[in-house]
Amino acid sequence: MPINNNYILKHVGEDYMIIPLSDGGVDFSKVYNVSSTGAFIYEQLKDNKAPLEIAYHMVEEYEVDYDVVLKDIFEFVDELKKRGIYHD
């Protein structure tokens, strides 16, 4: 699974947060706030879906441009990689 198991996604009110877990609990200093779209992409990645497949589903669901969505997904994945949340 490319998503680091030391992170969890939480939905609190209208906010979504990717939260790193540490040995003693939660490390709130590294919480990453994401949009509902980011949360959707995170969950799809957690289910081992490829960015191309995620983009396809988003185009069907939201009637957005495939190339734009795919670019946004890759940018989001790059940010997850920088934070240690996602790895190839």
PDB file of N, CA and C in Angstrom:
ATOM      1  N   MET A   1       0.841  -1.173   0.000  1.00  0.00           N
ATOM      2  CA  MET A   1       0.000   0.000   0.000  1.00  0.00           C
ATOM      3  C   MET A   1       0.890   1.241   0.000  1.00  0.00           C
ATOM      4  N   PRO A   2       0.683   2.137  -0.942  1.00  0.00           N
ATOM      5  CA  PRO A   2       1.550   3.314  -1.030  1.00  0.00           C
ATOM      6  C   PRO A   2       1.306   4.366   0.060  1.00  0.00           C
ATOM      7  N   ILE A   3       0.163   4.312   0.729  1.00  0.00           N
ATOM      8  CA  ILE A   3      -0.087   5.255   1.824  1.00  0.00           C
ATOM      9  C   ILE A   3       0.602   4.728   3.075  1.00  0.00           C
ATOM     10  N   ASN A   4       1.350   5.603   3.733  1.00  0.00           N
ATOM     11  CA  ASN A   4       2.046   5.261   4.960  1.00  0.00           C
ATOM     12  C   ASN A   4       1.016   4.912   6.037  1.00  0.00           C
ATOM     13  N   ASN A   5       1.145   3.740   6.641  1.00  0.00           N
ATOM     14  CA  ASN A   5       0.187   3.280   7.652  1.00  0.00           C
ATOM     15  C   ASN A   5       0.245   4.077   8.945  1.00  0.00           C
ATOM     16  N   ASN A   6       1.219   4.962   9.072  1.00  0.00           N
ATOM     17  CA  ASN A   6       1.327   5.790  10.273  1.00  0.00           C
ATOM     18  C   ASN A   6       0.504   7.066  10.157  1.00  0.00           C
ATOM     19  N   TYR A   7      -0.381   7.142   9.166  1.00  0.00           N
ATOM     20  CA  TYR A   7      -1.254   8.293   8.969  1.00  0.00           C
ATOM     21  C   TYR A   7      -2.699   7.839   8.888  1.00  0.00           C
ATOM     22  N   ILE A   8      -3.577   8.683   9.399  1.00  0.00           N
ATOM     23  CA  ILE A   8      -5.015   8.412   9.302  1.00  0.00           C
ATOM     24  C   ILE A   8      -5.716   9.668   8.785  1.00  0.00           C
ATOM     25  N   LEU A   9      -6.839   9.467   8.137  1.00  0.00           N
ATOM     26  CA  LEU A   9      -7.668  10.567   7.661  1.00  0.00           C
ATOM     27  C   LEU A   9      -8.838  10.719   8.626  1.00  0.00           C
ATOM     28  N   LYS A  10      -9.039  11.935   9.106  1.00  0.00           N
ATOM     29  CA  LYS A  10     -10.149  12.222  10.005  1.00  0.00           C
ATOM     30  C   LYS A  10     -11.015  13.319   9.416  1.00  0.00           C
ATOM     31  N   HIS A  11     -12.315  13.177   9.595  1.00  0.00           N
ATOM     32  CA  HIS A  11     -13.289  14.175   9.160  1.00  0.00           C
ATOM     33  C   HIS A  11     -13.892  14.777  10.427  1.00  0.00           C
ATOM     34  N   VAL A  12     -13.617  16.041  10.647  1.00  0.00           N
ATOM     35  CA  VAL A  12     -14.110  16.731  11.836  1.00  0.00           C
ATOM     36  C   VAL A  12     -14.902  17.951  11.379  1.00  0.00           C
ATOM     37  N   GLY A  13     -16.201  17.917  11.600  1.00  0.00           N
ATOM     38  CA  GLY A  13     -17.054  18.998  11.105  1.00  0.00           C
ATOM     39  C   GLY A  13     -16.999  19.033   9.595  1.00  0.00           C
ATOM     40  N   GLU A  14     -16.567  20.164   9.049  1.00  0.00           N
ATOM     41  CA  GLU A  14     -16.420  20.280   7.600  1.00  0.00           C
ATOM     42  C   GLU A  14     -14.972  20.114   7.157  1.00  0.00           C
ATOM     43  N   ASP A  15     -14.088  19.816   8.101  1.00  0.00           N
ATOM     44  CA  ASP A  15     -12.654  19.719   7.809  1.00  0.00           C
ATOM     45  C   ASP A  15     -12.201  18.271   7.676  1.00  0.00           C
ATOM     46  N   TYR A  16     -11.203  18.093   6.829  1.00  0.00           N
ATOM     47  CA  TYR A  16     -10.537  16.805   6.683  1.00  0.00           C
ATOM     48  C   TYR A  16      -9.081  17.006   7.039  1.00  0.00           C
ATOM     49  N   MET A  17      -8.544  16.072   7.823  1.00  0.00           N
ATOM     50  CA  MET A  17      -7.155  16.168   8.246  1.00  0.00           C
ATOM     51  C   MET A  17      -6.478  14.818   8.080  1.00  0.00           C
ATOM     52  N   ILE A  18      -5.268  14.861   7.552  1.00  0.00           N
ATOM     53  CA  ILE A  18      -4.427  13.669   7.521  1.00  0.00           C
ATOM     54  C   ILE A  18      -3.501  13.818   8.717  1.00  0.00           C
ATOM     55  N   ILE A  19      -3.607  12.876   9.635  1.00  0.00           N
ATOM     56  CA  ILE A  19      -2.943  12.996  10.925  1.00  0.00           C
ATOM     57  C   ILE A  19      -1.891  11.909  11.082  1.00  0.00           C
ATOM     58  N   PRO A  20      -0.648  12.308  11.398  1.00  0.00           N
ATOM     59  CA  PRO A  20       0.392  11.307  11.648  1.00  0.00           C
ATOM     60  C   PRO A  20       0.262  10.733  13.053  1.00  0.00           C
ATOM     61  N   LEU A  21       0.453   9.456  13.160  1.00  0.00           N
ATOM     62  CA  LEU A  21       0.428   8.802  14.457  1.00  0.00           C
ATOM     63  C   LEU A  21       1.865   8.592  14.918  1.00  0.00           C
ATOM     64  N   SER A  22       2.083   8.697  16.212  1.00  0.00           N
ATOM     65  CA  SER A  22       3.396   8.401  16.769  1.00  0.00           C
ATOM     66  C   SER A  22       3.220   7.325  17.822  1.00  0.00           C
ATOM     67  N   ASP A  23       4.303   6.886  18.396  1.00  0.00           N
ATOM     68  CA  ASP A  23       4.231   5.811  19.394  1.00  0.00           C
ATOM     69  C   ASP A  23       3.315   6.160  20.564  1.00  0.00           C
ATOM     70  N   GLY A  24       3.285   7.431  20.936  1.00  0.00           N
ATOM     71  CA  GLY A  24       2.485   7.833  22.070  1.00  0.00           C
ATOM     72  C   GLY A  24       1.113   8.360  21.716  1.00  0.00           C
ATOM     73  N   GLY A  25       0.755   8.375  20.454  1.00  0.00           N
ATOM     74  CA  GLY A  25      -0.557   8.882  20.051  1.00  0.00           C
ATOM     75  C   GLY A  25      -0.486   9.647  18.753  1.00  0.00           C
ATOM     76  N   VAL A  26      -0.981  10.870  18.769  1.00  0.00           N
ATOM     77  CA  VAL A  26      -1.080  11.685  17.562  1.00  0.00           C
ATOM     78  C   VAL A  26      -0.047  12.811  17.614  1.00  0.00           C
ATOM     79  N   ASP A  27       0.611  13.054  16.490  1.00  0.00           N
ATOM     80  CA  ASP A  27       1.558  14.163  16.378  1.00  0.00           C
ATOM     81  C   ASP A  27       0.847  15.324  15.690  1.00  0.00           C
ATOM     82  N   PHE A  28       0.234  16.218  16.473  1.00  0.00           N
ATOM     83  CA  PHE A  28      -0.562  17.313  15.923  1.00  0.00           C
ATOM     84  C   PHE A  28       0.270  18.376  15.218  1.00  0.00           C
ATOM     85  N   SER A  29       1.576  18.370  15.436  1.00  0.00           N
ATOM     86  CA  SER A  29       2.420  19.375  14.783  1.00  0.00           C
ATOM     87  C   SER A  29       2.556  19.123  13.288  1.00  0.00           C
ATOM     88  N   LYS A  30       2.196  17.931  12.833  1.00  0.00           N
ATOM     89  CA  LYS A  30       2.345  17.582  11.421  1.00  0.00           C
ATOM     90  C   LYS A  30       1.011  17.266  10.747  1.00  0.00           C
ATOM     91  N   VAL A  31      -0.075  17.754  11.318  1.00  0.00           N
ATOM     92  CA  VAL A  31      -1.397  17.541  10.730  1.00  0.00           C
ATOM     93  C   VAL A  31      -1.473  18.275   9.393  1.00  0.00           C
ATOM     94  N   TYR A  32      -2.024  17.604   8.384  1.00  0.00           N
ATOM     95  CA  TYR A  32      -2.156  18.171   7.041  1.00  0.00           C
ATOM     96  C   TYR A  32      -3.643  18.310   6.733  1.00  0.00           C
ATOM     97  N   ASN A  33      -4.134  19.548   6.654  1.00  0.00           N
ATOM     98  CA  ASN A  33      -5.537  19.808   6.314  1.00  0.00           C
ATOM     99  C   ASN A  33      -5.728  19.682   4.815  1.00  0.00           C
ATOM    100  N   VAL A  34      -6.769  18.967   4.414  1.00  0.00           N
ATOM    101  CA  VAL A  34      -7.062  18.774   2.997  1.00  0.00           C
ATOM    102  C   VAL A  34      -8.534  19.065   2.737  1.00  0.00           C
ATOM    103  N   SER A  35      -8.834  19.325   1.482  1.00  0.00           N
ATOM    104  CA  SER A  35     -10.223  19.550   1.068  1.00  0.00           C
ATOM    105  C   SER A  35     -10.951  18.212   0.970  1.00  0.00           C
ATOM    106  N   SER A  36     -12.244  18.273   0.723  1.00  0.00           N
ATOM    107  CA  SER A  36     -12.995  17.027   0.526  1.00  0.00           C
ATOM    108  C   SER A  36     -12.475  16.284  -0.702  1.00  0.00           C
ATOM    109  N   THR A  37     -12.028  17.022  -1.712  1.00  0.00           N
ATOM    110  CA  THR A  37     -11.442  16.385  -2.896  1.00  0.00           C
ATOM    111  C   THR A  37     -10.134  15.695  -2.528  1.00  0.00           C
ATOM    112  N   GLY A  38      -9.306  16.365  -1.729  1.00  0.00           N
ATOM    113  CA  GLY A  38      -8.064  15.759  -1.262  1.00  0.00           C
ATOM    114  C   GLY A  38      -8.334  14.503  -0.449  1.00  0.00           C
ATOM    115  N   ALA A  39      -9.366  14.548   0.386  1.00  0.00           N
ATOM    116  CA  ALA A  39      -9.743  13.377   1.183  1.00  0.00           C
ATOM    117  C   ALA A  39     -10.186  12.228   0.278  1.00  0.00           C
ATOM    118  N   PHE A  40     -10.940  12.553  -0.765  1.00  0.00           N
ATOM    119  CA  PHE A  40     -11.372  11.532  -1.721  1.00  0.00           C
ATOM    120  C   PHE A  40     -10.169  10.888  -2.405  1.00  0.00           C
ATOM    121  N   ILE A  41      -9.244  11.717  -2.861  1.00  0.00           N
ATOM    122  CA  ILE A  41      -8.043  11.187  -3.531  1.00  0.00           C
ATOM    123  C   ILE A  41      -7.233  10.339  -2.557  1.00  0.00           C
ATOM    124  N   TYR A  42      -7.069  10.819  -1.328  1.00  0.00           N
ATOM    125  CA  TYR A  42      -6.340  10.060  -0.302  1.00  0.00           C
ATOM    126  C   TYR A  42      -6.959   8.678  -0.111  1.00  0.00           C
ATOM    127  N   GLU A  43      -8.277   8.627   0.038  1.00  0.00           N
ATOM    128  CA  GLU A  43      -8.959   7.337   0.230  1.00  0.00           C
ATOM    129  C   GLU A  43      -8.774   6.413  -0.979  1.00  0.00           C
ATOM    130  N   GLN A  44      -8.821   6.984  -2.170  1.00  0.00           N
ATOM    131  CA  GLN A  44      -8.626   6.178  -3.378  1.00  0.00           C
ATOM    132  C   GLN A  44      -7.201   5.627  -3.431  1.00  0.00           C
ATOM    133  N   LEU A  45      -6.231   6.453  -3.070  1.00  0.00           N
ATOM    134  CA  LEU A  45      -4.840   5.991  -3.029  1.00  0.00           C
ATOM    135  C   LEU A  45      -4.676   4.898  -1.975  1.00  0.00           C
ATOM    136  N   LYS A  46      -5.351   5.070  -0.857  1.00  0.00           N
ATOM    137  CA  LYS A  46      -5.307   4.070   0.215  1.00  0.00           C
ATOM    138  C   LYS A  46      -5.863   2.733  -0.263  1.00  0.00           C
ATOM    139  N   ASP A  47      -6.833   2.789  -1.184  1.00  0.00           N
ATOM    140  CA  ASP A  47      -7.418   1.577  -1.766  1.00  0.00           C
ATOM    141  C   ASP A  47      -6.621   1.080  -2.976  1.00  0.00           C
ATOM    142  N   ASN A  48      -5.384   1.595  -3.105  1.00  0.00           N
ATOM    143  CA  ASN A  48      -4.454   1.183  -4.170  1.00  0.00           C
ATOM    144  C   ASN A  48      -4.919   1.544  -5.574  1.00  0.00           C
ATOM    145  N   LYS A  49      -5.703   2.597  -5.699  1.00  0.00           N
ATOM    146  CA  LYS A  49      -6.100   3.068  -7.022  1.00  0.00           C
ATOM    147  C   LYS A  49      -4.983   3.938  -7.592  1.00  0.00           C
ATOM    148  N   ALA A  50      -4.738   3.808  -8.870  1.00  0.00           N
ATOM    149  CA  ALA A  50      -3.719   4.600  -9.554  1.00  0.00           C
ATOM    150  C   ALA A  50      -4.276   5.987  -9.868  1.00  0.00           C
ATOM    151  N   PRO A  51      -3.410   7.006  -9.929  1.00  0.00           N
ATOM    152  CA  PRO A  51      -3.883   8.350 -10.259  1.00  0.00           C
ATOM    153  C   PRO A  51      -4.708   8.412 -11.544  1.00  0.00           C
ATOM    154  N   LEU A  52      -4.343   7.647 -12.558  1.00  0.00           N
ATOM    155  CA  LEU A  52      -5.104   7.652 -13.811  1.00  0.00           C
ATOM    156  C   LEU A  52      -6.533   7.166 -13.596  1.00  0.00           C
ATOM    157  N   GLU A  53      -6.680   6.152 -12.772  1.00  0.00           N
ATOM    158  CA  GLU A  53      -8.003   5.602 -12.471  1.00  0.00           C
ATOM    159  C   GLU A  53      -8.823   6.591 -11.630  1.00  0.00           C
ATOM    160  N   ILE A  54      -8.172   7.234 -10.674  1.00  0.00           N
ATOM    161  CA  ILE A  54      -8.850   8.224  -9.836  1.00  0.00           C
ATOM    162  C   ILE A  54      -9.361   9.370 -10.709  1.00  0.00           C
ATOM    163  N   ALA A  55      -8.515   9.839 -11.626  1.00  0.00           N
ATOM    164  CA  ALA A  55      -8.900  10.931 -12.524  1.00  0.00           C
ATOM    165  C   ALA A  55     -10.109  10.529 -13.358  1.00  0.00           C
ATOM    166  N   TYR A  56     -10.114   9.320 -13.866  1.00  0.00           N
ATOM    167  CA  TYR A  56     -11.236   8.840 -14.676  1.00  0.00           C
ATOM    168  C   TYR A  56     -12.542   8.908 -13.878  1.00  0.00           C
ATOM    169  N   HIS A  57     -12.502   8.432 -12.632  1.00  0.00           N
ATOM    170  CA  HIS A  57     -13.713   8.447 -11.802  1.00  0.00           C
ATOM    171  C   HIS A  57     -14.158   9.864 -11.469  1.00  0.00           C
ATOM    172  N   MET A  58     -13.203  10.753 -11.268  1.00  0.00           N
ATOM    173  CA  MET A  58     -13.556  12.139 -10.962  1.00  0.00           C
ATOM    174  C   MET A  58     -14.195  12.821 -12.168  1.00  0.00           C
ATOM    175  N   VAL A  59     -13.712  12.508 -13.357  1.00  0.00           N
ATOM    176  CA  VAL A  59     -14.307  13.073 -14.577  1.00  0.00           C
ATOM    177  C   VAL A  59     -15.755  12.618 -14.709  1.00  0.00           C
ATOM    178  N   GLU A  60     -15.994  11.334 -14.454  1.00  0.00           N
ATOM    179  CA  GLU A  60     -17.366  10.809 -14.539  1.00  0.00           C
ATOM    180  C   GLU A  60     -18.275  11.438 -13.489  1.00  0.00           C
ATOM    181  N   GLU A  61     -17.771  11.581 -12.282  1.00  0.00           N
ATOM    182  CA  GLU A  61     -18.584  12.072 -11.170  1.00  0.00           C
ATOM    183  C   GLU A  61     -18.835  13.576 -11.233  1.00  0.00           C
ATOM    184  N   TYR A  62     -17.802  14.350 -11.567  1.00  0.00           N
ATOM    185  CA  TYR A  62     -17.897  15.802 -11.446  1.00  0.00           C
ATOM    186  C   TYR A  62     -17.877  16.546 -12.778  1.00  0.00           C
ATOM    187  N   GLU A  63     -17.785  15.827 -13.877  1.00  0.00           N
ATOM    188  CA  GLU A  63     -17.770  16.434 -15.210  1.00  0.00           C
ATOM    189  C   GLU A  63     -16.707  17.532 -15.331  1.00  0.00           C
ATOM    190  N   VAL A  64     -15.497  17.176 -14.962  1.00  0.00           N
ATOM    191  CA  VAL A  64     -14.352  18.082 -15.058  1.00  0.00           C
ATOM    192  C   VAL A  64     -13.418  17.586 -16.145  1.00  0.00           C
ATOM    193  N   ASP A  65     -12.489  18.434 -16.557  1.00  0.00           N
ATOM    194  CA  ASP A  65     -11.540  18.092 -17.602  1.00  0.00           C
ATOM    195  C   ASP A  65     -10.517  17.070 -17.083  1.00  0.00           C
ATOM    196  N   TYR A  66     -10.350  15.987 -17.812  1.00  0.00           N
ATOM    197  CA  TYR A  66      -9.458  14.901 -17.397  1.00  0.00           C
ATOM    198  C   TYR A  66      -8.030  15.391 -17.185  1.00  0.00           C
ATOM    199  N   ASP A  67      -7.485  16.149 -18.127  1.00  0.00           N
ATOM    200  CA  ASP A  67      -6.096  16.599 -18.022  1.00  0.00           C
ATOM    201  C   ASP A  67      -5.884  17.502 -16.812  1.00  0.00           C
ATOM    202  N   VAL A  68      -6.844  18.357 -16.537  1.00  0.00           N
ATOM    203  CA  VAL A  68      -6.744  19.250 -15.375  1.00  0.00           C
ATOM    204  C   VAL A  68      -6.779  18.440 -14.086  1.00  0.00           C
ATOM    205  N   VAL A  69      -7.727  17.515 -13.992  1.00  0.00           N
ATOM    206  CA  VAL A  69      -7.860  16.672 -12.800  1.00  0.00           C
ATOM    207  C   VAL A  69      -6.604  15.834 -12.595  1.00  0.00           C
ATOM    208  N   LEU A  70      -6.103  15.242 -13.650  1.00  0.00           N
ATOM    209  CA  LEU A  70      -4.914  14.399 -13.530  1.00  0.00           C
ATOM    210  C   LEU A  70      -3.724  15.217 -13.039  1.00  0.00           C
ATOM    211  N   LYS A  71      -3.551  16.409 -13.567  1.00  0.00           N
ATOM    212  CA  LYS A  71      -2.466  17.294 -13.123  1.00  0.00           C
ATOM    213  C   LYS A  71      -2.619  17.604 -11.631  1.00  0.00           C
ATOM    214  N   ASP A  72      -3.837  17.925 -11.206  1.00  0.00           N
ATOM    215  CA  ASP A  72      -4.093  18.221  -9.798  1.00  0.00           C
ATOM    216  C   ASP A  72      -3.809  17.009  -8.908  1.00  0.00           C
ATOM    217  N   ILE A  73      -4.173  15.831  -9.368  1.00  0.00           N
ATOM    218  CA  ILE A  73      -3.922  14.609  -8.599  1.00  0.00           C
ATOM    219  C   ILE A  73      -2.421  14.398  -8.435  1.00  0.00           C
ATOM    220  N   PHE A  74      -1.664  14.547  -9.510  1.00  0.00           N
ATOM    221  CA  PHE A  74      -0.214  14.365  -9.415  1.00  0.00           C
ATOM    222  C   PHE A  74       0.418  15.401  -8.489  1.00  0.00           C
ATOM    223  N   GLU A  75      -0.079  16.628  -8.497  1.00  0.00           N
ATOM    224  CA  GLU A  75       0.430  17.656  -7.584  1.00  0.00           C
ATOM    225  C   GLU A  75       0.123  17.279  -6.135  1.00  0.00           C
ATOM    226  N   PHE A  76      -1.070  16.767  -5.895  1.00  0.00           N
ATOM    227  CA  PHE A  76      -1.453  16.332  -4.554  1.00  0.00           C
ATOM    228  C   PHE A  76      -0.576  15.164  -4.102  1.00  0.00           C
ATOM    229  N   VAL A  77      -0.359  14.206  -4.984  1.00  0.00           N
ATOM    230  CA  VAL A  77       0.497  13.058  -4.666  1.00  0.00           C
ATOM    231  C   VAL A  77       1.916  13.532  -4.354  1.00  0.00           C
ATOM    232  N   ASP A  78       2.427  14.481  -5.120  1.00  0.00           N
ATOM    233  CA  ASP A  78       3.764  15.028  -4.851  1.00  0.00           C
ATOM    234  C   ASP A  78       3.830  15.639  -3.454  1.00  0.00           C
ATOM    235  N   GLU A  79       2.783  16.351  -3.052  1.00  0.00           N
ATOM    236  CA  GLU A  79       2.755  16.938  -1.714  1.00  0.00           C
ATOM    237  C   GLU A  79       2.707  15.854  -0.645  1.00  0.00           C
ATOM    238  N   LEU A  80       1.926  14.807  -0.884  1.00  0.00           N
ATOM    239  CA  LEU A  80       1.880  13.685   0.061  1.00  0.00           C
ATOM    240  C   LEU A  80       3.248  13.032   0.186  1.00  0.00           C
ATOM    241  N   LYS A  81       3.957  12.906  -0.924  1.00  0.00           N
ATOM    242  CA  LYS A  81       5.312  12.334  -0.898  1.00  0.00           C
ATOM    243  C   LYS A  81       6.253  13.193  -0.068  1.00  0.00           C
ATOM    244  N   LYS A  82       6.203  14.498  -0.266  1.00  0.00           N
ATOM    245  CA  LYS A  82       7.069  15.421   0.487  1.00  0.00           C
ATOM    246  C   LYS A  82       6.840  15.296   1.993  1.00  0.00           C
ATOM    247  N   ARG A  83       5.607  15.026   2.372  1.00  0.00           N
ATOM    248  CA  ARG A  83       5.260  14.932   3.791  1.00  0.00           C
ATOM    249  C   ARG A  83       5.450  13.525   4.342  1.00  0.00           C
ATOM    250  N   GLY A  84       5.860  12.579   3.499  1.00  0.00           N
ATOM    251  CA  GLY A  84       6.080  11.209   3.952  1.00  0.00           C
ATOM    252  C   GLY A  84       4.815  10.389   4.091  1.00  0.00           C
ATOM    253  N   ILE A  85       3.724  10.884   3.520  1.00  0.00           N
ATOM    254  CA  ILE A  85       2.427  10.207   3.639  1.00  0.00           C
ATOM    255  C   ILE A  85       2.254   9.150   2.548  1.00  0.00           C
ATOM    256  N   TYR A  86       2.874   9.367   1.420  1.00  0.00           N
ATOM    257  CA  TYR A  86       2.727   8.474   0.254  1.00  0.00           C
ATOM    258  C   TYR A  86       4.106   8.121  -0.275  1.00  0.00           C
ATOM    259  N   HIS A  87       4.252   6.898  -0.715  1.00  0.00           N
ATOM    260  CA  HIS A  87       5.502   6.476  -1.344  1.00  0.00           C
ATOM    261  C   HIS A  87       5.184   5.530  -2.490  1.00  0.00           C
ATOM    262  N   ASP A  88       6.055   5.510  -3.461  1.00  0.00           N
ATOM    263  CA  ASP A  88       5.862   4.620  -4.622  1.00  0.00           C
ATOM    264  C   ASP A  88       6.187   3.189  -4.296  1.00  0.00           C
TER     265      ASP A  88
END
